Amino acid sequence: MTNTTRSTRPATALVGLEGEHPAALATRLGLEAGSLANVADIDARHQTVILVRPPAPQPFSSTNDHDLEAVEATFFAFVHALQRATIAVRENREGESHHSIAILIPSDAALGTRDSVLPSMLVGAVLSFTRTMAIELKKDAITANSVLYGNLDDDAEASTISTLLETYRTATTLTGQETYTSSGPNLGRIKP
């Protein structure tokens, strides 16, 4: 996918959790790869996109304490990423500019696929926390929304995600939303 309007768009940093640097995905979506460890990757941007990757599906009966701890660690990494993004924006913003935070997560875990108890648990926690934070962040002109995707390798869906991120980047009052870009009962639906 190419993005011909990239030079006219406000900059967006796509960041991963726990040291993940999703450069290939950032390029595919027409975004810039960034790092939450580098505040400069956030403070000059109008949008931060946080990529959350849940664990692989497995039968719940075969999970162990280590699997649960890994889900907990990923959720904590997400919360810390959201904190770092929020702090960077609050401390380095010029004037009263709007900032958007978007959470990019797979929809299959949210839709309850087979053997996806742990992924669903993580995605449910991320969605709930994002909605809660959207209310709080709105007070500081920061919007927080979730994009639930199906296949990031699909050109049409990648284009849809890019367009949706542009909408979230420019819509100063659209916050706390969950938008599904993949097939399923919630396709294209925006809901709190």
N, C-alpha and C. Protein backbone atom coordinates (compact mmCIF):
# COMPACT_ATOMS: atom_id res chain seq x y z
N MET A 1 0.84 -1.17 0.00
CA MET A 1 0.00 0.00 0.00
C MET A 1 0.88 1.23 0.00
N THR A 2 0.52 2.19 -0.79
CA THR A 2 1.25 3.45 -0.80
C THR A 2 0.36 4.52 -0.24
N ASN A 3 0.97 5.52 0.30
CA ASN A 3 0.22 6.60 0.90
C ASN A 3 0.70 7.89 0.25
N THR A 4 -0.07 8.38 -0.70
CA THR A 4 0.36 9.54 -1.47
C THR A 4 0.19 10.84 -0.71
N THR A 5 -0.59 10.85 0.35
CA THR A 5 -0.81 12.08 1.10
C THR A 5 0.06 12.16 2.35
N ARG A 6 1.03 11.30 2.48
CA ARG A 6 1.85 11.23 3.69
C ARG A 6 2.46 12.56 4.08
N SER A 7 2.93 13.33 3.13
CA SER A 7 3.61 14.58 3.47
C SER A 7 2.65 15.63 4.03
N THR A 8 1.35 15.51 3.75
CA THR A 8 0.40 16.49 4.24
C THR A 8 -0.25 16.07 5.55
N ARG A 9 -0.03 14.86 5.99
CA ARG A 9 -0.62 14.36 7.22
C ARG A 9 0.24 14.70 8.43
N PRO A 10 -0.41 14.91 9.58
CA PRO A 10 0.38 15.01 10.80
C PRO A 10 1.10 13.69 11.04
N ALA A 11 2.25 13.74 11.63
CA ALA A 11 3.05 12.54 11.84
C ALA A 11 2.39 11.62 12.86
N THR A 12 2.50 10.34 12.60
CA THR A 12 1.98 9.31 13.50
C THR A 12 3.09 8.33 13.81
N ALA A 13 3.24 8.00 15.08
CA ALA A 13 4.23 7.01 15.48
C ALA A 13 3.52 5.71 15.85
N LEU A 14 3.91 4.60 15.20
CA LEU A 14 3.41 3.28 15.55
C LEU A 14 4.44 2.64 16.47
N VAL A 15 4.01 2.26 17.67
CA VAL A 15 4.93 1.68 18.64
C VAL A 15 4.42 0.32 19.09
N GLY A 16 5.35 -0.56 19.40
CA GLY A 16 5.00 -1.88 19.92
C GLY A 16 5.28 -1.93 21.41
N LEU A 17 4.90 -3.04 22.02
CA LEU A 17 5.13 -3.23 23.44
C LEU A 17 6.42 -3.99 23.68
N GLU A 18 7.00 -3.79 24.84
CA GLU A 18 8.15 -4.55 25.31
C GLU A 18 9.29 -4.60 24.30
N GLY A 19 9.63 -3.46 23.76
CA GLY A 19 10.77 -3.38 22.85
C GLY A 19 10.50 -3.79 21.42
N GLU A 20 9.26 -4.16 21.10
CA GLU A 20 8.94 -4.52 19.72
C GLU A 20 8.95 -3.27 18.85
N HIS A 21 9.59 -3.34 17.69
CA HIS A 21 9.65 -2.22 16.76
C HIS A 21 9.00 -2.65 15.45
N PRO A 22 7.72 -2.34 15.29
CA PRO A 22 6.97 -2.81 14.12
C PRO A 22 7.19 -1.96 12.87
N ALA A 23 8.44 -1.86 12.42
CA ALA A 23 8.77 -1.00 11.29
C ALA A 23 8.08 -1.43 10.00
N ALA A 24 8.03 -2.73 9.73
CA ALA A 24 7.40 -3.20 8.49
C ALA A 24 5.91 -2.88 8.48
N LEU A 25 5.25 -3.07 9.61
CA LEU A 25 3.83 -2.75 9.70
C LEU A 25 3.61 -1.25 9.58
N ALA A 26 4.46 -0.46 10.19
CA ALA A 26 4.34 0.99 10.09
C ALA A 26 4.41 1.42 8.63
N THR A 27 5.34 0.88 7.89
CA THR A 27 5.47 1.21 6.47
C THR A 27 4.22 0.79 5.72
N ARG A 28 3.71 -0.39 6.00
CA ARG A 28 2.52 -0.90 5.33
C ARG A 28 1.31 0.00 5.55
N LEU A 29 1.20 0.57 6.75
CA LEU A 29 0.07 1.43 7.08
C LEU A 29 0.33 2.89 6.75
N GLY A 30 1.50 3.20 6.21
CA GLY A 30 1.82 4.58 5.87
C GLY A 30 2.14 5.43 7.08
N LEU A 31 2.67 4.79 8.13
CA LEU A 31 3.00 5.49 9.37
C LEU A 31 4.50 5.47 9.58
N GLU A 32 4.93 6.10 10.65
CA GLU A 32 6.34 6.07 11.03
C GLU A 32 6.50 5.14 12.22
N ALA A 33 7.56 4.36 12.23
CA ALA A 33 7.85 3.51 13.39
C ALA A 33 8.44 4.40 14.47
N GLY A 34 8.05 4.15 15.69
CA GLY A 34 8.56 4.94 16.80
C GLY A 34 8.87 4.05 17.98
N SER A 35 9.28 4.65 19.05
CA SER A 35 9.60 3.92 20.27
C SER A 35 9.11 4.72 21.46
N LEU A 36 8.44 4.05 22.38
CA LEU A 36 8.00 4.74 23.58
C LEU A 36 9.16 5.08 24.49
N ALA A 37 10.30 4.45 24.26
CA ALA A 37 11.49 4.77 25.05
C ALA A 37 12.04 6.14 24.67
N ASN A 38 11.72 6.60 23.47
CA ASN A 38 12.20 7.89 22.98
C ASN A 38 11.04 8.88 22.96
N VAL A 39 11.00 9.77 23.93
CA VAL A 39 9.91 10.73 24.04
C VAL A 39 9.77 11.57 22.78
N ALA A 40 10.86 11.83 22.09
CA ALA A 40 10.80 12.62 20.86
C ALA A 40 9.96 11.93 19.79
N ASP A 41 9.82 10.62 19.87
CA ASP A 41 8.97 9.90 18.92
C ASP A 41 7.50 10.18 19.16
N ILE A 42 7.16 10.71 20.32
CA ILE A 42 5.77 10.95 20.67
C ILE A 42 5.43 12.43 20.70
N ASP A 43 6.27 13.24 21.33
CA ASP A 43 5.86 14.62 21.60
C ASP A 43 5.65 15.46 20.35
N ALA A 44 6.30 15.15 19.26
CA ALA A 44 6.14 15.95 18.05
C ALA A 44 5.04 15.39 17.15
N ARG A 45 4.39 14.33 17.56
CA ARG A 45 3.38 13.67 16.74
C ARG A 45 1.98 14.12 17.16
N HIS A 46 1.05 13.97 16.24
CA HIS A 46 -0.35 14.23 16.55
C HIS A 46 -1.07 12.94 16.92
N GLN A 47 -0.41 11.80 16.70
CA GLN A 47 -1.03 10.52 17.00
C GLN A 47 0.02 9.49 17.37
N THR A 48 -0.31 8.69 18.38
CA THR A 48 0.50 7.53 18.75
C THR A 48 -0.39 6.31 18.59
N VAL A 49 0.08 5.32 17.86
CA VAL A 49 -0.65 4.07 17.68
C VAL A 49 0.11 2.99 18.42
N ILE A 50 -0.55 2.33 19.36
CA ILE A 50 0.07 1.29 20.16
C ILE A 50 -0.41 -0.07 19.66
N LEU A 51 0.52 -0.90 19.24
CA LEU A 51 0.22 -2.23 18.74
C LEU A 51 0.28 -3.23 19.89
N VAL A 52 -0.83 -3.92 20.13
CA VAL A 52 -0.90 -4.94 21.18
C VAL A 52 -1.08 -6.30 20.51
N ARG A 53 -0.16 -7.21 20.80
CA ARG A 53 -0.25 -8.57 20.24
C ARG A 53 -0.53 -9.55 21.38
N PRO A 54 -1.73 -10.14 21.40
CA PRO A 54 -2.03 -11.12 22.46
C PRO A 54 -1.32 -12.44 22.21
N PRO A 55 -1.32 -13.31 23.22
CA PRO A 55 -0.68 -14.62 23.04
C PRO A 55 -1.44 -15.47 22.02
N ALA A 56 -0.79 -16.51 21.56
CA ALA A 56 -1.42 -17.43 20.61
C ALA A 56 -2.55 -18.20 21.31
N PRO A 57 -3.61 -18.50 20.57
CA PRO A 57 -4.71 -19.29 21.16
C PRO A 57 -4.22 -20.67 21.59
N GLN A 58 -4.77 -21.15 22.68
CA GLN A 58 -4.49 -22.51 23.16
C GLN A 58 -5.64 -22.93 24.06
N PRO A 59 -5.89 -24.21 24.20
CA PRO A 59 -6.97 -24.66 25.09
C PRO A 59 -6.72 -24.16 26.51
N PHE A 60 -7.75 -23.64 27.13
CA PHE A 60 -7.61 -23.09 28.47
C PHE A 60 -7.12 -24.15 29.45
N SER A 61 -7.55 -25.38 29.26
CA SER A 61 -7.15 -26.46 30.18
C SER A 61 -5.66 -26.76 30.12
N SER A 62 -4.99 -26.31 29.07
CA SER A 62 -3.55 -26.56 28.96
C SER A 62 -2.71 -25.36 29.40
N THR A 63 -3.34 -24.30 29.86
CA THR A 63 -2.58 -23.13 30.31
C THR A 63 -2.03 -23.36 31.71
N ASN A 64 -1.00 -22.60 32.03
CA ASN A 64 -0.39 -22.72 33.35
C ASN A 64 -0.12 -21.33 33.91
N ASP A 65 0.49 -21.27 35.06
CA ASP A 65 0.77 -19.99 35.70
C ASP A 65 1.64 -19.10 34.82
N HIS A 66 2.59 -19.69 34.13
CA HIS A 66 3.46 -18.92 33.25
C HIS A 66 2.64 -18.22 32.15
N ASP A 67 1.67 -18.92 31.58
CA ASP A 67 0.82 -18.34 30.53
C ASP A 67 0.02 -17.16 31.08
N LEU A 68 -0.53 -17.32 32.28
CA LEU A 68 -1.29 -16.23 32.91
C LEU A 68 -0.39 -15.04 33.23
N GLU A 69 0.80 -15.33 33.70
CA GLU A 69 1.75 -14.25 33.99
C GLU A 69 2.16 -13.51 32.72
N ALA A 70 2.26 -14.21 31.61
CA ALA A 70 2.61 -13.57 30.34
C ALA A 70 1.50 -12.62 29.89
N VAL A 71 0.24 -13.03 30.08
CA VAL A 71 -0.89 -12.15 29.74
C VAL A 71 -0.86 -10.92 30.64
N GLU A 72 -0.63 -11.14 31.92
CA GLU A 72 -0.54 -10.03 32.88
C GLU A 72 0.60 -9.08 32.49
N ALA A 73 1.74 -9.62 32.13
CA ALA A 73 2.88 -8.79 31.75
C ALA A 73 2.58 -7.98 30.49
N THR A 74 1.89 -8.57 29.54
CA THR A 74 1.54 -7.84 28.32
C THR A 74 0.56 -6.71 28.64
N PHE A 75 -0.41 -6.98 29.52
CA PHE A 75 -1.36 -5.93 29.90
C PHE A 75 -0.63 -4.80 30.62
N PHE A 76 0.26 -5.13 31.55
CA PHE A 76 1.03 -4.09 32.23
C PHE A 76 1.88 -3.30 31.25
N ALA A 77 2.47 -3.97 30.27
CA ALA A 77 3.26 -3.27 29.25
C ALA A 77 2.37 -2.31 28.47
N PHE A 78 1.15 -2.72 28.17
CA PHE A 78 0.20 -1.83 27.49
C PHE A 78 -0.12 -0.61 28.35
N VAL A 79 -0.43 -0.84 29.62
CA VAL A 79 -0.75 0.27 30.52
C VAL A 79 0.43 1.24 30.61
N HIS A 80 1.64 0.70 30.73
CA HIS A 80 2.83 1.56 30.80
C HIS A 80 3.05 2.31 29.49
N ALA A 81 2.77 1.67 28.36
CA ALA A 81 2.90 2.36 27.07
C ALA A 81 1.91 3.52 26.98
N LEU A 82 0.69 3.29 27.43
CA LEU A 82 -0.31 4.35 27.43
C LEU A 82 0.10 5.48 28.38
N GLN A 83 0.66 5.11 29.53
CA GLN A 83 1.15 6.13 30.47
C GLN A 83 2.26 6.96 29.84
N ARG A 84 3.25 6.29 29.24
CA ARG A 84 4.37 7.02 28.64
C ARG A 84 3.90 7.94 27.52
N ALA A 85 2.98 7.46 26.71
CA ALA A 85 2.46 8.30 25.63
C ALA A 85 1.73 9.51 26.19
N THR A 86 0.92 9.30 27.21
CA THR A 86 0.16 10.39 27.82
C THR A 86 1.09 11.41 28.49
N ILE A 87 2.06 10.92 29.23
CA ILE A 87 3.01 11.83 29.90
C ILE A 87 3.79 12.64 28.87
N ALA A 88 4.26 11.99 27.82
CA ALA A 88 5.02 12.70 26.79
C ALA A 88 4.19 13.80 26.15
N VAL A 89 2.92 13.51 25.88
CA VAL A 89 2.06 14.51 25.26
C VAL A 89 1.82 15.66 26.23
N ARG A 90 1.49 15.35 27.46
CA ARG A 90 1.19 16.40 28.45
C ARG A 90 2.40 17.30 28.70
N GLU A 91 3.58 16.72 28.75
CA GLU A 91 4.77 17.50 29.09
C GLU A 91 5.37 18.25 27.91
N ASN A 92 5.12 17.80 26.70
CA ASN A 92 5.82 18.38 25.55
C ASN A 92 4.92 19.02 24.51
N ARG A 93 3.65 19.08 24.78
CA ARG A 93 2.71 19.65 23.83
C ARG A 93 2.90 21.16 23.74
N GLU A 94 2.75 21.65 22.53
CA GLU A 94 2.81 23.10 22.31
C GLU A 94 1.39 23.61 22.16
N GLY A 95 0.98 24.51 23.04
CA GLY A 95 -0.35 25.08 22.95
C GLY A 95 -1.42 24.08 23.34
N GLU A 96 -2.58 24.26 22.76
CA GLU A 96 -3.73 23.42 23.08
C GLU A 96 -4.01 22.40 21.98
N SER A 97 -2.98 21.90 21.34
CA SER A 97 -3.17 20.98 20.22
C SER A 97 -3.79 19.65 20.68
N HIS A 98 -4.52 19.05 19.78
CA HIS A 98 -5.16 17.75 20.01
C HIS A 98 -4.16 16.63 19.74
N HIS A 99 -4.24 15.57 20.52
CA HIS A 99 -3.41 14.38 20.29
C HIS A 99 -4.32 13.17 20.31
N SER A 100 -4.03 12.22 19.45
CA SER A 100 -4.80 10.99 19.34
C SER A 100 -3.93 9.80 19.73
N ILE A 101 -4.52 8.91 20.51
CA ILE A 101 -3.89 7.63 20.80
C ILE A 101 -4.83 6.56 20.26
N ALA A 102 -4.31 5.69 19.43
CA ALA A 102 -5.11 4.59 18.89
C ALA A 102 -4.46 3.27 19.30
N ILE A 103 -5.30 2.32 19.65
CA ILE A 103 -4.82 1.01 20.05
C ILE A 103 -5.17 0.05 18.92
N LEU A 104 -4.18 -0.66 18.43
CA LEU A 104 -4.36 -1.59 17.31
C LEU A 104 -4.28 -3.02 17.87
N ILE A 105 -5.42 -3.73 17.82
CA ILE A 105 -5.49 -5.08 18.38
C ILE A 105 -6.28 -6.01 17.45
N PRO A 106 -5.97 -7.31 17.47
CA PRO A 106 -6.66 -8.25 16.59
C PRO A 106 -8.10 -8.51 17.03
N SER A 107 -9.00 -8.56 16.06
CA SER A 107 -10.42 -8.73 16.38
C SER A 107 -10.79 -10.15 16.74
N ASP A 108 -10.04 -11.14 16.26
CA ASP A 108 -10.44 -12.52 16.50
C ASP A 108 -10.55 -12.83 17.99
N ALA A 109 -9.66 -12.30 18.80
CA ALA A 109 -9.73 -12.53 20.24
C ALA A 109 -10.95 -11.85 20.85
N ALA A 110 -11.30 -10.68 20.34
CA ALA A 110 -12.47 -9.97 20.86
C ALA A 110 -13.77 -10.66 20.46
N LEU A 111 -13.76 -11.35 19.33
CA LEU A 111 -14.96 -12.01 18.84
C LEU A 111 -15.13 -13.42 19.39
N GLY A 112 -14.19 -13.88 20.21
CA GLY A 112 -14.33 -15.15 20.89
C GLY A 112 -14.11 -16.38 20.04
N THR A 113 -12.98 -16.46 19.38
CA THR A 113 -12.68 -17.65 18.59
C THR A 113 -12.29 -18.82 19.50
N ARG A 114 -12.31 -19.99 18.95
CA ARG A 114 -12.01 -21.22 19.70
C ARG A 114 -10.62 -21.16 20.35
N ASP A 115 -10.56 -21.63 21.57
CA ASP A 115 -9.31 -21.71 22.33
C ASP A 115 -8.61 -20.37 22.51
N SER A 116 -9.39 -19.31 22.59
CA SER A 116 -8.75 -17.99 22.72
C SER A 116 -9.10 -17.32 24.05
N VAL A 117 -9.18 -18.11 25.12
CA VAL A 117 -9.53 -17.54 26.42
C VAL A 117 -8.48 -16.51 26.87
N LEU A 118 -7.22 -16.87 26.82
CA LEU A 118 -6.19 -15.92 27.26
C LEU A 118 -6.08 -14.71 26.33
N PRO A 119 -6.07 -14.89 25.01
CA PRO A 119 -6.07 -13.72 24.14
C PRO A 119 -7.31 -12.85 24.37
N SER A 120 -8.47 -13.48 24.55
CA SER A 120 -9.70 -12.72 24.78
C SER A 120 -9.65 -11.97 26.10
N MET A 121 -9.06 -12.59 27.11
CA MET A 121 -8.93 -11.94 28.41
C MET A 121 -8.08 -10.67 28.26
N LEU A 122 -6.98 -10.78 27.54
CA LEU A 122 -6.11 -9.62 27.34
C LEU A 122 -6.82 -8.53 26.53
N VAL A 123 -7.42 -8.92 25.41
CA VAL A 123 -8.09 -7.93 24.55
C VAL A 123 -9.25 -7.27 25.30
N GLY A 124 -10.01 -8.04 26.06
CA GLY A 124 -11.10 -7.46 26.85
C GLY A 124 -10.59 -6.44 27.85
N ALA A 125 -9.49 -6.75 28.51
CA ALA A 125 -8.91 -5.82 29.48
C ALA A 125 -8.40 -4.56 28.78
N VAL A 126 -7.76 -4.72 27.62
CA VAL A 126 -7.25 -3.57 26.87
C VAL A 126 -8.40 -2.68 26.42
N LEU A 127 -9.47 -3.27 25.88
CA LEU A 127 -10.61 -2.48 25.42
C LEU A 127 -11.27 -1.73 26.58
N SER A 128 -11.48 -2.41 27.69
CA SER A 128 -12.10 -1.78 28.84
C SER A 128 -11.25 -0.64 29.39
N PHE A 129 -9.96 -0.88 29.51
CA PHE A 129 -9.06 0.16 30.03
C PHE A 129 -9.00 1.35 29.08
N THR A 130 -8.98 1.09 27.78
CA THR A 130 -8.94 2.19 26.80
C THR A 130 -10.20 3.04 26.89
N ARG A 131 -11.37 2.41 27.02
CA ARG A 131 -12.62 3.18 27.16
C ARG A 131 -12.58 4.04 28.42
N THR A 132 -12.11 3.45 29.51
CA THR A 132 -12.03 4.20 30.77
C THR A 132 -11.06 5.38 30.64
N MET A 133 -9.90 5.13 30.06
CA MET A 133 -8.91 6.20 29.91
C MET A 133 -9.38 7.28 28.94
N ALA A 134 -10.19 6.92 27.95
CA ALA A 134 -10.68 7.91 26.99
C ALA A 134 -11.45 9.02 27.70
N ILE A 135 -12.21 8.66 28.71
CA ILE A 135 -12.96 9.65 29.47
C ILE A 135 -12.01 10.59 30.19
N GLU A 136 -11.00 10.03 30.81
CA GLU A 136 -10.03 10.84 31.55
C GLU A 136 -9.16 11.70 30.64
N LEU A 137 -8.68 11.11 29.54
CA LEU A 137 -7.77 11.82 28.64
C LEU A 137 -8.46 12.94 27.88
N LYS A 138 -9.76 12.82 27.67
CA LYS A 138 -10.52 13.85 26.94
C LYS A 138 -10.34 15.22 27.61
N LYS A 139 -10.18 15.22 28.91
CA LYS A 139 -9.99 16.47 29.66
C LYS A 139 -8.73 17.21 29.23
N ASP A 140 -7.77 16.46 28.66
CA ASP A 140 -6.50 17.04 28.21
C ASP A 140 -6.39 17.10 26.70
N ALA A 141 -7.53 17.05 26.01
CA ALA A 141 -7.55 17.09 24.53
C ALA A 141 -6.78 15.93 23.92
N ILE A 142 -6.86 14.77 24.56
CA ILE A 142 -6.27 13.54 24.04
C ILE A 142 -7.40 12.56 23.82
N THR A 143 -7.53 12.06 22.61
CA THR A 143 -8.54 11.04 22.35
C THR A 143 -7.89 9.67 22.34
N ALA A 144 -8.67 8.66 22.74
CA ALA A 144 -8.18 7.28 22.77
C ALA A 144 -9.23 6.37 22.14
N ASN A 145 -8.85 5.65 21.11
CA ASN A 145 -9.77 4.78 20.38
C ASN A 145 -9.08 3.46 20.05
N SER A 146 -9.89 2.43 19.81
CA SER A 146 -9.37 1.10 19.48
C SER A 146 -9.75 0.71 18.07
N VAL A 147 -8.80 0.11 17.36
CA VAL A 147 -9.04 -0.44 16.03
C VAL A 147 -8.82 -1.94 16.13
N LEU A 148 -9.86 -2.71 15.83
CA LEU A 148 -9.78 -4.17 15.89
C LEU A 148 -9.69 -4.70 14.47
N TYR A 149 -8.54 -5.27 14.13
CA TYR A 149 -8.26 -5.68 12.75
C TYR A 149 -8.34 -7.19 12.60
N GLY A 150 -8.46 -7.61 11.35
CA GLY A 150 -8.48 -9.03 11.04
C GLY A 150 -7.18 -9.51 10.44
N ASN A 151 -6.75 -8.87 9.34
CA ASN A 151 -5.56 -9.33 8.62
C ASN A 151 -4.76 -8.12 8.16
N LEU A 152 -3.65 -7.88 8.80
CA LEU A 152 -2.83 -6.72 8.46
C LEU A 152 -2.09 -6.90 7.14
N ASP A 153 -2.07 -8.12 6.61
CA ASP A 153 -1.43 -8.36 5.31
C ASP A 153 -2.38 -8.13 4.14
N ASP A 154 -3.64 -7.90 4.41
CA ASP A 154 -4.63 -7.64 3.37
C ASP A 154 -4.57 -6.16 2.98
N ASP A 155 -4.31 -5.88 1.70
CA ASP A 155 -4.16 -4.49 1.25
C ASP A 155 -5.40 -3.65 1.52
N ALA A 156 -6.58 -4.20 1.26
CA ALA A 156 -7.81 -3.44 1.47
C ALA A 156 -8.00 -3.09 2.94
N GLU A 157 -7.73 -4.05 3.81
CA GLU A 157 -7.90 -3.78 5.23
C GLU A 157 -6.83 -2.81 5.74
N ALA A 158 -5.60 -2.94 5.27
CA ALA A 158 -4.55 -1.99 5.66
C ALA A 158 -4.93 -0.58 5.24
N SER A 159 -5.52 -0.44 4.06
CA SER A 159 -5.97 0.88 3.59
C SER A 159 -7.10 1.41 4.47
N THR A 160 -8.02 0.53 4.85
CA THR A 160 -9.11 0.93 5.74
C THR A 160 -8.57 1.39 7.08
N ILE A 161 -7.61 0.66 7.62
CA ILE A 161 -7.02 1.03 8.91
C ILE A 161 -6.33 2.38 8.81
N SER A 162 -5.59 2.60 7.75
CA SER A 162 -4.90 3.87 7.55
C SER A 162 -5.90 5.03 7.49
N THR A 163 -6.99 4.83 6.78
CA THR A 163 -8.03 5.86 6.68
C THR A 163 -8.69 6.10 8.03
N LEU A 164 -8.96 5.02 8.76
CA LEU A 164 -9.57 5.15 10.08
C LEU A 164 -8.65 5.88 11.05
N LEU A 165 -7.36 5.57 11.00
CA LEU A 165 -6.41 6.28 11.86
C LEU A 165 -6.38 7.76 11.53
N GLU A 166 -6.48 8.09 10.25
CA GLU A 166 -6.55 9.50 9.84
C GLU A 166 -7.79 10.17 10.45
N THR A 167 -8.91 9.46 10.44
CA THR A 167 -10.13 10.00 11.04
C THR A 167 -9.93 10.24 12.53
N TYR A 168 -9.38 9.27 13.22
CA TYR A 168 -9.12 9.43 14.66
C TYR A 168 -8.12 10.55 14.92
N ARG A 169 -7.16 10.71 14.03
CA ARG A 169 -6.13 11.74 14.20
C ARG A 169 -6.73 13.14 14.12
N THR A 170 -7.74 13.31 13.27
CA THR A 170 -8.28 14.65 13.03
C THR A 170 -9.57 14.94 13.77
N ALA A 171 -10.25 13.92 14.27
CA ALA A 171 -11.53 14.12 14.96
C ALA A 171 -11.28 14.40 16.44
N THR A 172 -11.44 15.64 16.84
CA THR A 172 -11.09 16.03 18.20
C THR A 172 -12.12 15.57 19.24
N THR A 173 -13.30 15.14 18.81
CA THR A 173 -14.33 14.73 19.77
C THR A 173 -14.64 13.24 19.71
N LEU A 174 -14.06 12.51 18.78
CA LEU A 174 -14.33 11.08 18.64
C LEU A 174 -13.37 10.31 19.55
N THR A 175 -13.89 9.80 20.67
CA THR A 175 -13.03 9.12 21.64
C THR A 175 -13.77 7.98 22.31
N GLY A 176 -13.03 6.99 22.78
CA GLY A 176 -13.62 5.86 23.46
C GLY A 176 -14.30 4.87 22.53
N GLN A 177 -13.96 4.92 21.25
CA GLN A 177 -14.62 4.07 20.26
C GLN A 177 -13.85 2.79 19.99
N GLU A 178 -14.59 1.77 19.57
CA GLU A 178 -14.01 0.51 19.10
C GLU A 178 -14.51 0.31 17.68
N THR A 179 -13.62 0.24 16.73
CA THR A 179 -14.03 0.05 15.35
C THR A 179 -13.39 -1.21 14.81
N TYR A 180 -14.22 -2.08 14.25
CA TYR A 180 -13.77 -3.35 13.66
C TYR A 180 -13.56 -3.14 12.18
N THR A 181 -12.39 -3.49 11.68
CA THR A 181 -12.11 -3.35 10.25
C THR A 181 -12.13 -4.69 9.54
N SER A 182 -12.36 -5.77 10.28
CA SER A 182 -12.38 -7.10 9.68
C SER A 182 -13.82 -7.58 9.53
N SER A 183 -13.99 -8.71 8.87
CA SER A 183 -15.33 -9.26 8.72
C SER A 183 -15.85 -9.73 10.07
N GLY A 184 -17.14 -9.80 10.17
CA GLY A 184 -17.76 -10.23 11.42
C GLY A 184 -18.98 -9.40 11.71
N PRO A 185 -19.64 -9.67 12.82
CA PRO A 185 -20.89 -8.98 13.11
C PRO A 185 -20.73 -7.50 13.40
N ASN A 186 -19.52 -7.05 13.70
CA ASN A 186 -19.31 -5.65 14.05
C ASN A 186 -18.55 -4.88 12.98
N LEU A 187 -18.50 -5.39 11.76
CA LEU A 187 -17.73 -4.76 10.68
C LEU A 187 -18.12 -3.29 10.52
N GLY A 188 -17.13 -2.42 10.63
CA GLY A 188 -17.34 -1.00 10.41
C GLY A 188 -18.14 -0.30 11.47
N ARG A 189 -18.49 -1.01 12.50
CA ARG A 189 -19.35 -0.45 13.52
C ARG A 189 -18.52 0.34 14.52
N ILE A 190 -18.95 1.52 14.82
CA ILE A 190 -18.31 2.32 15.87
C ILE A 190 -19.23 2.25 17.06
N LYS A 191 -18.70 1.82 18.19
CA LYS A 191 -19.53 1.71 19.38
C LYS A 191 -18.70 2.00 20.61
N PRO A 192 -19.33 2.55 21.64
CA PRO A 192 -18.59 2.78 22.88
C PRO A 192 -18.36 1.49 23.63
